[in-house]
Amino acid sequence: MPRVTQAHLDARRQQIIDAARARFAGHGFARTSMTDLVEASGLSVGAIYRYFKGKDQIVAAICEQATQALPAELTAGSVHEFLEHVRTMAREEDHARLVAQIYAEAAVSPQLAALVRRQLGDLRAAVAALLPGHEPAEAERIAEAFVAVCNGYTQQLAVRGDLDPAPFTAALTAIIES
């Protein structure tokens, strides 16, 4: 019997994550059952449980794949491009609704909350690093506000739908320049 390659195993795991990402964004975490994930992924129950013990582990895997698309510098133009990217992800991949679901679940799951807190801390540190002209404490304060406004924009996209990033760009630019 041929041996299953690591590439095949990785592809199946990613297939589950992709199906869960779409299902969670469209239906929510609580309203998605493992049966729904079986149907969405096209795999068997056993195949899913081979990779994940339950939905909590799948959500954690989704979070761990999150990438930062921060610009290399924080200017009005680059911030606007960043928010346009967030807007595109919301439109094309339902990313804002997925983030809203993850935050809601993190509010009641200490393990997921710890993961989300770590990611937010990493994001704040990355933003602070883009503010070399500021004292460290000031850069941290600015980064805190920057991340909060970005999260607010994402949550607004999740609830209100497609939303012009211009007012958020102006707010973020004001925060950076303060």
C-alpha atoms as a PDB file:
ATOM      1  CA  MET A   1       0.000   0.000   0.000  1.00  0.00           C
ATOM      2  CA  PRO A   2       1.500   3.379  -0.974  1.00  0.00           C
ATOM      3  CA  ARG A   3       2.520   5.657   1.828  1.00  0.00           C
ATOM      4  CA  VAL A   4       0.641   8.949   2.165  1.00  0.00           C
ATOM      5  CA  THR A   5       2.975  11.884   1.652  1.00  0.00           C
ATOM      6  CA  GLN A   6       3.297  14.804   4.040  1.00  0.00           C
ATOM      7  CA  ALA A   7       2.152  17.067   1.208  1.00  0.00           C
ATOM      8  CA  HIS A   8      -1.073  15.053   0.948  1.00  0.00           C
ATOM      9  CA  LEU A   9      -1.619  15.251   4.723  1.00  0.00           C
ATOM     10  CA  ASP A  10      -0.953  18.987   4.709  1.00  0.00           C
ATOM     11  CA  ALA A  11      -3.384  19.471   1.813  1.00  0.00           C
ATOM     12  CA  ARG A  12      -6.170  17.591   3.642  1.00  0.00           C
ATOM     13  CA  ARG A  13      -5.579  19.637   6.792  1.00  0.00           C
ATOM     14  CA  GLN A  14      -5.721  22.846   4.764  1.00  0.00           C
ATOM     15  CA  GLN A  15      -8.887  21.625   3.032  1.00  0.00           C
ATOM     16  CA  ILE A  16     -10.543  21.334   6.455  1.00  0.00           C
ATOM     17  CA  ILE A  17      -9.308  24.764   7.545  1.00  0.00           C
ATOM     18  CA  ASP A  18     -10.520  26.400   4.323  1.00  0.00           C
ATOM     19  CA  ALA A  19     -13.954  24.773   4.606  1.00  0.00           C
ATOM     20  CA  ALA A  20     -14.213  25.805   8.260  1.00  0.00           C
ATOM     21  CA  ARG A  21     -13.115  29.372   7.503  1.00  0.00           C
ATOM     22  CA  ALA A  22     -15.904  29.761   4.946  1.00  0.00           C
ATOM     23  CA  ARG A  23     -18.510  28.021   7.088  1.00  0.00           C
ATOM     24  CA  PHE A  24     -17.661  29.943  10.278  1.00  0.00           C
ATOM     25  CA  ALA A  25     -17.735  33.269   8.410  1.00  0.00           C
ATOM     26  CA  GLY A  26     -21.108  32.534   6.838  1.00  0.00           C
ATOM     27  CA  HIS A  27     -22.891  30.741   9.659  1.00  0.00           C
ATOM     28  CA  GLY A  28     -20.985  31.431  12.847  1.00  0.00           C
ATOM     29  CA  PHE A  29     -19.055  29.165  15.123  1.00  0.00           C
ATOM     30  CA  ALA A  30     -21.993  28.051  17.271  1.00  0.00           C
ATOM     31  CA  ARG A  31     -24.197  27.303  14.250  1.00  0.00           C
ATOM     32  CA  THR A  32     -21.575  25.174  12.541  1.00  0.00           C
ATOM     33  CA  SER A  33     -21.522  21.524  13.502  1.00  0.00           C
ATOM     34  CA  MET A  34     -18.850  18.979  12.746  1.00  0.00           C
ATOM     35  CA  THR A  35     -21.365  17.479  10.288  1.00  0.00           C
ATOM     36  CA  ASP A  36     -21.450  20.839   8.506  1.00  0.00           C
ATOM     37  CA  LEU A  37     -17.661  20.779   8.291  1.00  0.00           C
ATOM     38  CA  VAL A  38     -17.751  17.242   6.887  1.00  0.00           C
ATOM     39  CA  GLU A  39     -20.152  18.403   4.170  1.00  0.00           C
ATOM     40  CA  ALA A  40     -18.246  21.614   3.442  1.00  0.00           C
ATOM     41  CA  SER A  41     -14.855  19.901   3.254  1.00  0.00           C
ATOM     42  CA  GLY A  42     -15.974  16.830   1.346  1.00  0.00           C
ATOM     43  CA  LEU A  43     -14.046  14.658   3.795  1.00  0.00           C
ATOM     44  CA  SER A  44     -15.219  12.053   6.265  1.00  0.00           C
ATOM     45  CA  VAL A  45     -15.753  12.573   9.987  1.00  0.00           C
ATOM     46  CA  GLY A  46     -12.750  10.344  10.630  1.00  0.00           C
ATOM     47  CA  ALA A  47     -10.577  12.397   8.312  1.00  0.00           C
ATOM     48  CA  ILE A  48     -11.441  15.600  10.153  1.00  0.00           C
ATOM     49  CA  TYR A  49     -10.852  14.050  13.562  1.00  0.00           C
ATOM     50  CA  ARG A  50      -7.509  12.747  12.343  1.00  0.00           C
ATOM     51  CA  TYR A  51      -6.320  16.348  12.190  1.00  0.00           C
ATOM     52  CA  PHE A  52      -8.432  18.112  14.818  1.00  0.00           C
ATOM     53  CA  LYS A  53     -10.061  17.021  18.081  1.00  0.00           C
ATOM     54  CA  GLY A  54     -12.867  19.539  17.621  1.00  0.00           C
ATOM     55  CA  LYS A  55     -13.942  22.935  16.395  1.00  0.00           C
ATOM     56  CA  ASP A  56     -11.802  24.757  18.965  1.00  0.00           C
ATOM     57  CA  GLN A  57      -8.642  23.338  17.430  1.00  0.00           C
ATOM     58  CA  ILE A  58      -9.835  24.256  13.948  1.00  0.00           C
ATOM     59  CA  VAL A  59     -10.461  27.861  15.028  1.00  0.00           C
ATOM     60  CA  ALA A  60      -6.998  27.974  16.588  1.00  0.00           C
ATOM     61  CA  ALA A  61      -5.492  26.682  13.330  1.00  0.00           C
ATOM     62  CA  ILE A  62      -7.332  29.407  11.408  1.00  0.00           C
ATOM     63  CA  CYS A  63      -5.949  32.038  13.797  1.00  0.00           C
ATOM     64  CA  GLU A  64      -2.427  30.666  13.532  1.00  0.00           C
ATOM     65  CA  GLN A  65      -2.557  31.113   9.764  1.00  0.00           C
ATOM     66  CA  ALA A  66      -3.415  34.791  10.082  1.00  0.00           C
ATOM     67  CA  THR A  67      -0.957  37.025   8.325  1.00  0.00           C
ATOM     68  CA  GLN A  68      -0.123  40.646   8.869  1.00  0.00           C
ATOM     69  CA  ALA A  69      -0.401  42.801   5.806  1.00  0.00           C
ATOM     70  CA  LEU A  70       0.969  45.913   7.430  1.00  0.00           C
ATOM     71  CA  PRO A  71       2.682  48.382   5.149  1.00  0.00           C
ATOM     72  CA  ALA A  72       6.436  48.905   5.389  1.00  0.00           C
ATOM     73  CA  GLU A  73       5.828  52.451   6.614  1.00  0.00           C
ATOM     74  CA  LEU A  74       2.898  54.307   8.083  1.00  0.00           C
ATOM     75  CA  THR A  75       1.887  57.103   5.747  1.00  0.00           C
ATOM     76  CA  ALA A  76      -1.604  58.242   4.793  1.00  0.00           C
ATOM     77  CA  GLY A  77      -1.229  56.485   1.443  1.00  0.00           C
ATOM     78  CA  SER A  78       0.082  53.219   2.831  1.00  0.00           C
ATOM     79  CA  VAL A  79      -2.543  53.159   5.590  1.00  0.00           C
ATOM     80  CA  HIS A  80      -5.268  53.697   2.999  1.00  0.00           C
ATOM     81  CA  GLU A  81      -3.861  50.829   0.893  1.00  0.00           C
ATOM     82  CA  PHE A  82      -3.778  48.635   4.013  1.00  0.00           C
ATOM     83  CA  LEU A  83      -7.432  49.389   4.792  1.00  0.00           C
ATOM     84  CA  GLU A  84      -8.355  48.769   1.162  1.00  0.00           C
ATOM     85  CA  HIS A  85      -6.710  45.358   1.534  1.00  0.00           C
ATOM     86  CA  VAL A  86      -8.790  44.709   4.665  1.00  0.00           C
ATOM     87  CA  ARG A  87     -11.890  45.803   2.731  1.00  0.00           C
ATOM     88  CA  THR A  88     -11.034  43.489  -0.178  1.00  0.00           C
ATOM     89  CA  MET A  89     -10.522  40.559   2.200  1.00  0.00           C
ATOM     90  CA  ALA A  90     -13.920  41.307   3.752  1.00  0.00           C
ATOM     91  CA  ARG A  91     -15.600  41.455   0.347  1.00  0.00           C
ATOM     92  CA  GLU A  92     -13.899  38.518  -1.340  1.00  0.00           C
ATOM     93  CA  GLU A  93     -13.221  36.130   1.543  1.00  0.00           C
ATOM     94  CA  ASP A  94     -15.742  37.202   4.203  1.00  0.00           C
ATOM     95  CA  HIS A  95     -12.724  37.848   6.411  1.00  0.00           C
ATOM     96  CA  ALA A  96     -14.339  40.542   8.578  1.00  0.00           C
ATOM     97  CA  ARG A  97     -17.233  38.253   9.493  1.00  0.00           C
ATOM     98  CA  LEU A  98     -14.776  35.474  10.297  1.00  0.00           C
ATOM     99  CA  VAL A  99     -12.791  37.788  12.585  1.00  0.00           C
ATOM    100  CA  ALA A 100     -16.027  38.838  14.314  1.00  0.00           C
ATOM    101  CA  GLN A 101     -16.853  35.175  14.949  1.00  0.00           C
ATOM    102  CA  ILE A 102     -13.372  34.472  16.284  1.00  0.00           C
ATOM    103  CA  TYR A 103     -13.514  37.456  18.642  1.00  0.00           C
ATOM    104  CA  ALA A 104     -16.935  36.384  19.891  1.00  0.00           C
ATOM    105  CA  GLU A 105     -15.649  32.888  20.572  1.00  0.00           C
ATOM    106  CA  ALA A 106     -12.500  34.266  22.219  1.00  0.00           C
ATOM    107  CA  ALA A 107     -14.741  36.120  24.666  1.00  0.00           C
ATOM    108  CA  VAL A 108     -15.865  32.756  26.101  1.00  0.00           C
ATOM    109  CA  SER A 109     -12.845  30.538  25.380  1.00  0.00           C
ATOM    110  CA  PRO A 110      -9.794  31.237  27.541  1.00  0.00           C
ATOM    111  CA  GLN A 111      -7.475  29.278  25.216  1.00  0.00           C
ATOM    112  CA  LEU A 112      -8.632  31.132  22.120  1.00  0.00           C
ATOM    113  CA  ALA A 113      -8.549  34.435  24.032  1.00  0.00           C
ATOM    114  CA  ALA A 114      -4.891  33.796  24.902  1.00  0.00           C
ATOM    115  CA  LEU A 115      -4.088  33.157  21.233  1.00  0.00           C
ATOM    116  CA  VAL A 116      -5.940  36.285  20.082  1.00  0.00           C
ATOM    117  CA  ARG A 117      -4.273  38.394  22.811  1.00  0.00           C
ATOM    118  CA  ARG A 118      -0.858  37.145  21.669  1.00  0.00           C
ATOM    119  CA  GLN A 119      -1.653  38.009  18.054  1.00  0.00           C
ATOM    120  CA  LEU A 120      -2.907  41.461  18.994  1.00  0.00           C
ATOM    121  CA  GLY A 121       0.254  41.999  21.024  1.00  0.00           C
ATOM    122  CA  ASP A 122       2.365  40.977  18.033  1.00  0.00           C
ATOM    123  CA  LEU A 123       0.397  43.367  15.829  1.00  0.00           C
ATOM    124  CA  ARG A 124       0.846  46.248  18.281  1.00  0.00           C
ATOM    125  CA  ALA A 125       4.576  45.520  18.449  1.00  0.00           C
ATOM    126  CA  ALA A 126       4.789  45.497  14.647  1.00  0.00           C
ATOM    127  CA  VAL A 127       2.998  48.848  14.436  1.00  0.00           C
ATOM    128  CA  ALA A 128       5.195  50.330  17.174  1.00  0.00           C
ATOM    129  CA  ALA A 129       8.263  49.202  15.219  1.00  0.00           C
ATOM    130  CA  LEU A 130       6.999  51.296  12.292  1.00  0.00           C
ATOM    131  CA  LEU A 131       7.190  54.416  14.472  1.00  0.00           C
ATOM    132  CA  PRO A 132      10.944  54.929  14.897  1.00  0.00           C
ATOM    133  CA  GLY A 133      10.661  58.671  15.558  1.00  0.00           C
ATOM    134  CA  HIS A 134       8.702  58.152  18.771  1.00  0.00           C
ATOM    135  CA  GLU A 135       9.757  57.240  22.288  1.00  0.00           C
ATOM    136  CA  PRO A 136       8.921  53.567  23.035  1.00  0.00           C
ATOM    137  CA  ALA A 137       6.045  54.393  25.411  1.00  0.00           C
ATOM    138  CA  GLU A 138       4.558  56.820  22.886  1.00  0.00           C
ATOM    139  CA  ALA A 139       4.955  54.297  20.051  1.00  0.00           C
ATOM    140  CA  GLU A 140       3.136  51.702  22.175  1.00  0.00           C
ATOM    141  CA  ARG A 141       0.299  54.160  22.880  1.00  0.00           C
ATOM    142  CA  ILE A 142      -0.031  54.979  19.190  1.00  0.00           C
ATOM    143  CA  ALA A 143       0.105  51.294  18.257  1.00  0.00           C
ATOM    144  CA  GLU A 144      -2.656  50.508  20.778  1.00  0.00           C
ATOM    145  CA  ALA A 145      -4.932  53.126  19.219  1.00  0.00           C
ATOM    146  CA  PHE A 146      -3.959  52.127  15.671  1.00  0.00           C
ATOM    147  CA  VAL A 147      -4.865  48.475  16.267  1.00  0.00           C
ATOM    148  CA  ALA A 148      -8.121  49.452  17.992  1.00  0.00           C
ATOM    149  CA  VAL A 149      -9.243  51.591  15.047  1.00  0.00           C
ATOM    150  CA  CYS A 150      -8.259  48.855  12.576  1.00  0.00           C
ATOM    151  CA  ASN A 151     -10.259  46.321  14.581  1.00  0.00           C
ATOM    152  CA  GLY A 152     -13.161  48.745  14.687  1.00  0.00           C
ATOM    153  CA  TYR A 153     -13.040  49.061  10.911  1.00  0.00           C
ATOM    154  CA  THR A 154     -13.021  45.271  10.546  1.00  0.00           C
ATOM    155  CA  GLN A 155     -15.989  44.917  12.894  1.00  0.00           C
ATOM    156  CA  GLN A 156     -17.855  47.643  10.997  1.00  0.00           C
ATOM    157  CA  LEU A 157     -17.225  45.761   7.752  1.00  0.00           C
ATOM    158  CA  ALA A 158     -18.617  42.604   9.350  1.00  0.00           C
ATOM    159  CA  VAL A 159     -21.828  44.298  10.435  1.00  0.00           C
ATOM    160  CA  ARG A 160     -22.380  47.077   7.904  1.00  0.00           C
ATOM    161  CA  GLY A 161     -20.922  45.474   4.793  1.00  0.00           C
ATOM    162  CA  ASP A 162     -18.698  47.235   2.290  1.00  0.00           C
ATOM    163  CA  LEU A 163     -17.500  50.458   3.861  1.00  0.00           C
ATOM    164  CA  ASP A 164     -15.318  53.283   2.559  1.00  0.00           C
ATOM    165  CA  PRO A 165     -12.015  53.296   4.461  1.00  0.00           C
ATOM    166  CA  ALA A 166     -11.453  57.060   4.016  1.00  0.00           C
ATOM    167  CA  PRO A 167     -12.706  58.142   7.472  1.00  0.00           C
ATOM    168  CA  PHE A 168     -10.686  55.378   9.111  1.00  0.00           C
ATOM    169  CA  THR A 169      -7.611  56.371   7.121  1.00  0.00           C
ATOM    170  CA  ALA A 170      -8.044  59.942   8.362  1.00  0.00           C
ATOM    171  CA  ALA A 171      -8.412  58.746  11.965  1.00  0.00           C
ATOM    172  CA  LEU A 172      -5.366  56.489  11.738  1.00  0.00           C
ATOM    173  CA  THR A 173      -3.296  59.209  10.110  1.00  0.00           C
ATOM    174  CA  ALA A 174      -4.275  61.599  12.913  1.00  0.00           C
ATOM    175  CA  ILE A 175      -3.259  58.969  15.493  1.00  0.00           C
ATOM    176  CA  ILE A 176       0.102  58.405  13.816  1.00  0.00           C
ATOM    177  CA  GLU A 177       0.813  62.134  13.517  1.00  0.00           C
ATOM    178  CA  SER A 178      -0.275  62.990  17.065  1.00  0.00           C
END
